[in-house]
Amino acid sequence: MHALGRYIFLSFVSLWMALPAVADELMILPTREGVTSSYWWMPRDNARATLILLSGGSGGIGYRNNQPQSQNFLIRSRDHFAAGNPAAAFNVALLGNANDLRQLDPVLRATPEHIADVAAVVAHVRAKSPLPIWLVGTSQGTISAAASAIALGDKINGVVLTASMAAPSAPTSVQYLAIDKIRVPVLVASHENDSCRVTYARDSAYIMEKLTQTPIKKFILLNGGSNPTGNPCEALHWHGFINMEAEAAKVITDWILNPQP
């Protein structure tokens, strides 16, 4: 190969090696008869596990202009979760809503239909990567994560519940699901200043008490952040770990890498 050709070849190889192996992208798949669901897929080269993030509120990722736009804690923090720490990254899948369940609520999140959608996404992700799969839910998304974990059994490897729905007065709270059947590690995390009446940190104790079969469980009380705004049950308040997204994601991913009671 003459000098110019060799230079062009090496330049092309260097450019190719600098590019990400796979770009983040929206995946759409059939999840039930006549129904499709979507998720935003973020593969990472040095991933140690795959995190499926289940947002709160009415669910979804706020997909607009070819990007997730939701301000939900998990969605806006997705890059922090994917980055993990210098030693390990994570594949991340942001769960979208099924085309017949555009607006989720606490009741719909525990239905067989919604659980079937989550299960189909878990299977689709598993086909892409053999790495351990963790369900990570926040607020109303903790209902989805817990209900799906009960149904999926050993098809997942762990669960994280943040700002959990745990008010004893709410019939849809996580502890009223059959979470005593969950047999994978579970992390429950709250912000100590969360003032949403259905996700007080102190009420997470009801969830912890009901987790009788998990091999490892831990409750972590987080503190930090700044400038909460709006409704105390919304994503830009303490409920959504505002302005401590990187710290919260690191605490969670560190525990996933090494679950300890």
Protein backbone atom coordinates (compact mmCIF):
# COMPACT_ATOMS: atom_id res chain seq x y z
CA MET A 1 0.00 0.00 0.00
CA HIS A 2 1.53 3.37 -1.01
CA ALA A 3 1.94 6.10 1.58
CA LEU A 4 -1.16 8.13 0.65
CA GLY A 5 -3.37 5.05 0.58
CA ARG A 6 -2.02 3.89 3.92
CA TYR A 7 -2.67 7.32 5.44
CA ILE A 8 -6.27 7.37 4.19
CA PHE A 9 -6.85 3.82 5.45
CA LEU A 10 -5.46 4.57 8.93
CA SER A 11 -7.45 7.81 9.12
CA PHE A 12 -10.64 5.92 8.27
CA VAL A 13 -9.91 3.26 10.91
CA SER A 14 -9.20 5.90 13.56
CA LEU A 15 -12.46 7.69 12.76
CA TRP A 16 -14.43 4.43 12.79
CA MET A 17 -12.96 3.43 16.17
CA ALA A 18 -13.87 6.83 17.62
CA LEU A 19 -17.54 6.46 16.74
CA PRO A 20 -19.96 4.84 19.22
CA ALA A 21 -20.73 1.23 18.37
CA VAL A 22 -24.48 1.81 18.41
CA ALA A 23 -26.32 5.09 18.71
CA ASP A 24 -29.13 5.54 21.22
CA GLU A 25 -32.43 4.84 19.49
CA LEU A 26 -36.15 4.33 19.88
CA MET A 27 -37.23 0.70 19.74
CA ILE A 28 -40.83 -0.25 18.91
CA LEU A 29 -42.05 -3.82 19.35
CA PRO A 30 -45.28 -5.81 19.62
CA THR A 31 -46.04 -6.57 23.26
CA ARG A 32 -49.62 -7.89 23.13
CA GLU A 33 -51.96 -8.85 20.30
CA GLY A 34 -52.52 -5.72 18.27
CA VAL A 35 -50.49 -3.61 20.71
CA THR A 36 -47.02 -2.09 20.42
CA SER A 37 -44.81 -0.55 23.07
CA SER A 38 -41.62 1.44 22.81
CA TYR A 39 -38.44 2.05 24.73
CA TRP A 40 -35.42 4.29 24.30
CA TRP A 41 -32.33 2.08 24.09
CA MET A 42 -28.93 3.29 25.33
CA PRO A 43 -26.31 0.52 24.94
CA ARG A 44 -22.86 1.06 26.42
CA ASP A 45 -19.65 -0.78 25.50
CA ASN A 46 -18.39 -1.49 29.04
CA ALA A 47 -21.81 -2.16 30.58
CA ARG A 48 -22.06 -4.40 33.63
CA ALA A 49 -25.88 -4.63 33.70
CA THR A 50 -28.98 -3.35 31.95
CA LEU A 51 -31.33 -0.95 33.72
CA ILE A 52 -34.95 -0.63 32.62
CA LEU A 53 -36.18 2.72 33.91
CA LEU A 54 -39.90 3.10 34.64
CA SER A 55 -40.96 6.71 34.99
CA GLY A 56 -43.65 8.03 37.32
CA GLY A 57 -46.80 10.02 36.68
CA SER A 58 -48.67 8.82 33.61
CA GLY A 59 -45.56 7.02 32.38
CA GLY A 60 -43.67 7.28 29.13
CA ILE A 61 -40.57 9.19 28.13
CA GLY A 62 -41.98 12.37 26.56
CA TYR A 63 -40.61 11.46 23.14
CA ARG A 64 -40.38 14.57 20.93
CA ASN A 65 -37.93 15.77 18.31
CA ASN A 66 -36.30 12.32 18.24
CA GLN A 67 -35.32 12.44 21.93
CA PRO A 68 -36.88 11.66 25.32
CA GLN A 69 -37.98 15.01 26.74
CA SER A 70 -39.72 14.05 30.00
CA GLN A 71 -38.50 15.84 33.12
CA ASN A 72 -39.17 12.75 35.24
CA PHE A 73 -36.23 11.99 37.56
CA LEU A 74 -35.26 8.76 35.80
CA ILE A 75 -35.68 10.09 32.27
CA ARG A 76 -33.75 13.31 32.77
CA SER A 77 -31.04 11.40 34.69
CA ARG A 78 -30.59 8.68 32.05
CA ASP A 79 -27.06 9.72 31.10
CA HIS A 80 -25.97 9.55 34.74
CA PHE A 81 -27.36 6.02 35.03
CA ALA A 82 -25.69 4.96 31.78
CA ALA A 83 -22.33 6.43 32.85
CA GLY A 84 -22.35 4.56 36.16
CA ASN A 85 -18.83 5.14 37.44
CA PRO A 86 -15.34 5.05 35.87
CA ALA A 87 -15.14 1.29 36.35
CA ALA A 88 -18.49 0.31 34.90
CA ALA A 89 -21.28 1.64 32.73
CA PHE A 90 -24.83 0.39 32.23
CA ASN A 91 -27.10 -0.29 29.31
CA VAL A 92 -30.26 1.74 29.85
CA ALA A 93 -33.77 1.25 28.49
CA LEU A 94 -36.38 3.95 29.13
CA LEU A 95 -39.81 2.35 29.08
CA GLY A 96 -42.42 4.06 26.92
CA ASN A 97 -46.17 3.50 27.11
CA ALA A 98 -48.10 0.97 25.05
CA ASN A 99 -50.18 2.46 22.26
CA ASP A 100 -53.40 1.49 24.05
CA LEU A 101 -52.23 2.71 27.49
CA ARG A 102 -51.04 6.23 26.75
CA GLN A 103 -51.88 7.48 30.22
CA LEU A 104 -50.98 5.12 33.05
CA ASP A 105 -52.35 5.43 36.58
CA PRO A 106 -51.67 3.48 39.80
CA VAL A 107 -54.36 0.90 39.00
CA LEU A 108 -53.30 0.29 35.38
CA ARG A 109 -49.69 -0.18 36.45
CA ALA A 110 -50.54 -3.44 38.23
CA THR A 111 -52.73 -4.90 35.47
CA PRO A 112 -51.79 -8.00 33.44
CA GLU A 113 -51.74 -5.86 30.30
CA HIS A 114 -49.12 -3.43 31.57
CA ILE A 115 -47.06 -6.23 33.10
CA ALA A 116 -47.15 -8.05 29.75
CA ASP A 117 -45.75 -4.94 28.08
CA VAL A 118 -42.90 -4.74 30.60
CA ALA A 119 -42.22 -8.46 30.20
CA ALA A 120 -42.01 -8.12 26.42
CA VAL A 121 -39.50 -5.29 26.76
CA VAL A 122 -37.45 -7.35 29.23
CA ALA A 123 -37.37 -10.22 26.74
CA HIS A 124 -36.43 -7.88 23.89
CA VAL A 125 -33.60 -6.35 25.92
CA ARG A 126 -32.43 -9.80 27.03
CA ALA A 127 -32.10 -10.81 23.36
CA LYS A 128 -29.84 -7.78 22.83
CA SER A 129 -27.64 -8.35 25.86
CA PRO A 130 -27.09 -11.28 28.26
CA LEU A 131 -26.23 -8.92 31.13
CA PRO A 132 -28.24 -8.85 34.38
CA ILE A 133 -31.47 -6.84 34.12
CA TRP A 134 -32.67 -4.52 36.86
CA LEU A 135 -36.05 -2.77 36.99
CA VAL A 136 -35.76 0.78 38.33
CA GLY A 137 -38.98 2.62 39.11
CA THR A 138 -39.76 6.01 40.60
CA SER A 139 -42.96 7.31 42.19
CA GLN A 140 -45.90 5.60 40.41
CA GLY A 141 -43.27 3.70 38.44
CA THR A 142 -42.47 1.77 41.63
CA ILE A 143 -45.85 0.08 41.24
CA SER A 144 -44.87 -1.01 37.72
CA ALA A 145 -41.45 -2.20 38.87
CA ALA A 146 -42.77 -4.17 41.85
CA ALA A 147 -45.74 -5.71 40.01
CA SER A 148 -43.50 -6.73 37.12
CA ALA A 149 -40.85 -8.17 39.46
CA ILE A 150 -43.49 -10.35 41.09
CA ALA A 151 -44.62 -11.69 37.72
CA LEU A 152 -41.18 -12.07 36.12
CA GLY A 153 -39.43 -13.92 38.95
CA ASP A 154 -35.89 -14.90 37.98
CA LYS A 155 -36.19 -13.31 34.53
CA ILE A 156 -34.85 -10.18 36.19
CA ASN A 157 -31.92 -9.80 38.57
CA GLY A 158 -32.94 -6.96 40.86
CA VAL A 159 -35.29 -4.07 41.61
CA VAL A 160 -34.81 -0.45 42.65
CA LEU A 161 -37.71 1.57 44.04
CA THR A 162 -37.22 5.34 44.40
CA ALA A 163 -39.70 7.80 45.91
CA SER A 164 -41.94 4.78 46.40
CA MET A 165 -45.73 4.83 46.53
CA ALA A 166 -46.08 3.62 50.13
CA ALA A 167 -48.78 5.62 51.91
CA PRO A 168 -50.74 3.14 54.07
CA SER A 169 -53.97 4.99 53.21
CA ALA A 170 -53.53 4.44 49.45
CA PRO A 171 -54.86 1.05 48.27
CA THR A 172 -52.43 1.08 45.32
CA SER A 173 -49.30 1.41 47.47
CA VAL A 174 -46.47 -0.99 46.72
CA GLN A 175 -46.71 -2.89 50.01
CA TYR A 176 -50.23 -4.06 49.11
CA LEU A 177 -48.86 -5.99 46.13
CA ALA A 178 -47.53 -9.52 46.68
CA ILE A 179 -43.98 -8.24 47.09
CA ASP A 180 -43.28 -11.03 49.58
CA LYS A 181 -42.85 -13.14 46.42
CA ILE A 182 -39.93 -11.08 45.11
CA ARG A 183 -36.76 -13.18 45.37
CA VAL A 184 -34.15 -10.84 43.89
CA PRO A 185 -32.23 -8.01 45.57
CA VAL A 186 -34.25 -4.85 46.23
CA LEU A 187 -33.05 -1.32 46.94
CA VAL A 188 -35.55 1.23 48.28
CA ALA A 189 -34.38 4.86 48.14
CA SER A 190 -36.09 8.06 49.27
CA HIS A 191 -35.22 11.72 49.67
CA GLU A 192 -35.56 12.71 53.32
CA ASN A 193 -37.33 15.94 52.34
CA ASP A 194 -39.87 14.30 50.01
CA SER A 195 -43.13 15.97 51.09
CA CYS A 196 -45.46 14.19 48.66
CA ARG A 197 -48.19 12.69 50.85
CA VAL A 198 -48.08 9.29 49.10
CA THR A 199 -44.28 8.91 49.03
CA TYR A 200 -43.03 10.04 52.44
CA ALA A 201 -39.66 8.46 53.18
CA ARG A 202 -40.89 7.10 56.50
CA ASP A 203 -43.60 5.05 54.76
CA SER A 204 -40.96 3.04 52.88
CA ALA A 205 -40.71 1.00 56.07
CA TYR A 206 -43.97 -0.71 55.10
CA ILE A 207 -42.34 -1.92 51.89
CA MET A 208 -39.22 -3.10 53.65
CA GLU A 209 -41.28 -5.10 56.15
CA LYS A 210 -43.19 -6.89 53.37
CA LEU A 211 -40.02 -7.89 51.46
CA THR A 212 -39.60 -11.16 53.31
CA GLN A 213 -38.19 -13.37 50.53
CA THR A 214 -35.63 -11.13 48.86
CA PRO A 215 -32.05 -12.33 49.52
CA ILE A 216 -30.78 -8.76 50.04
CA LYS A 217 -32.69 -5.59 50.73
CA LYS A 218 -31.65 -2.11 51.75
CA PHE A 219 -33.26 1.24 52.44
CA ILE A 220 -31.22 4.34 51.63
CA LEU A 221 -32.24 7.82 52.74
CA LEU A 222 -30.75 10.45 50.45
CA ASN A 223 -30.21 14.11 51.20
CA GLY A 224 -28.99 16.89 48.98
CA GLY A 225 -30.00 18.85 45.94
CA SER A 226 -31.40 22.36 45.75
CA ASN A 227 -34.13 24.67 44.50
CA PRO A 228 -37.22 22.45 44.53
CA THR A 229 -40.07 23.95 42.52
CA GLY A 230 -43.71 23.24 41.80
CA ASN A 231 -45.92 20.51 43.19
CA PRO A 232 -44.19 18.45 45.93
CA CYS A 233 -45.37 15.28 44.14
CA GLU A 234 -43.78 16.28 40.84
CA ALA A 235 -40.37 15.64 39.34
CA LEU A 236 -38.72 19.01 39.99
CA HIS A 237 -39.23 18.88 43.74
CA TRP A 238 -37.38 16.83 46.40
CA HIS A 239 -39.64 13.98 45.28
CA GLY A 240 -37.63 13.94 42.05
CA PHE A 241 -34.18 14.31 43.66
CA ILE A 242 -33.84 17.74 42.08
CA ASN A 243 -30.30 18.95 41.44
CA MET A 244 -28.75 15.81 42.86
CA GLU A 245 -29.39 13.56 39.87
CA ALA A 246 -25.77 12.48 39.42
CA GLU A 247 -25.35 11.74 43.12
CA ALA A 248 -28.59 9.75 43.32
CA ALA A 249 -27.76 7.76 40.19
CA LYS A 250 -24.30 6.94 41.53
CA VAL A 251 -25.65 5.72 44.89
CA ILE A 252 -28.11 3.49 43.04
CA THR A 253 -25.67 2.10 40.47
CA ASP A 254 -22.96 1.52 43.08
CA TRP A 255 -25.40 -0.60 45.06
CA ILE A 256 -26.49 -2.52 41.97
CA LEU A 257 -22.86 -3.43 41.34
CA ASN A 258 -22.45 -4.66 44.93
CA PRO A 259 -25.76 -5.23 46.75
CA GLN A 260 -25.32 -5.14 50.52
CA PRO A 261 -27.94 -5.13 53.30
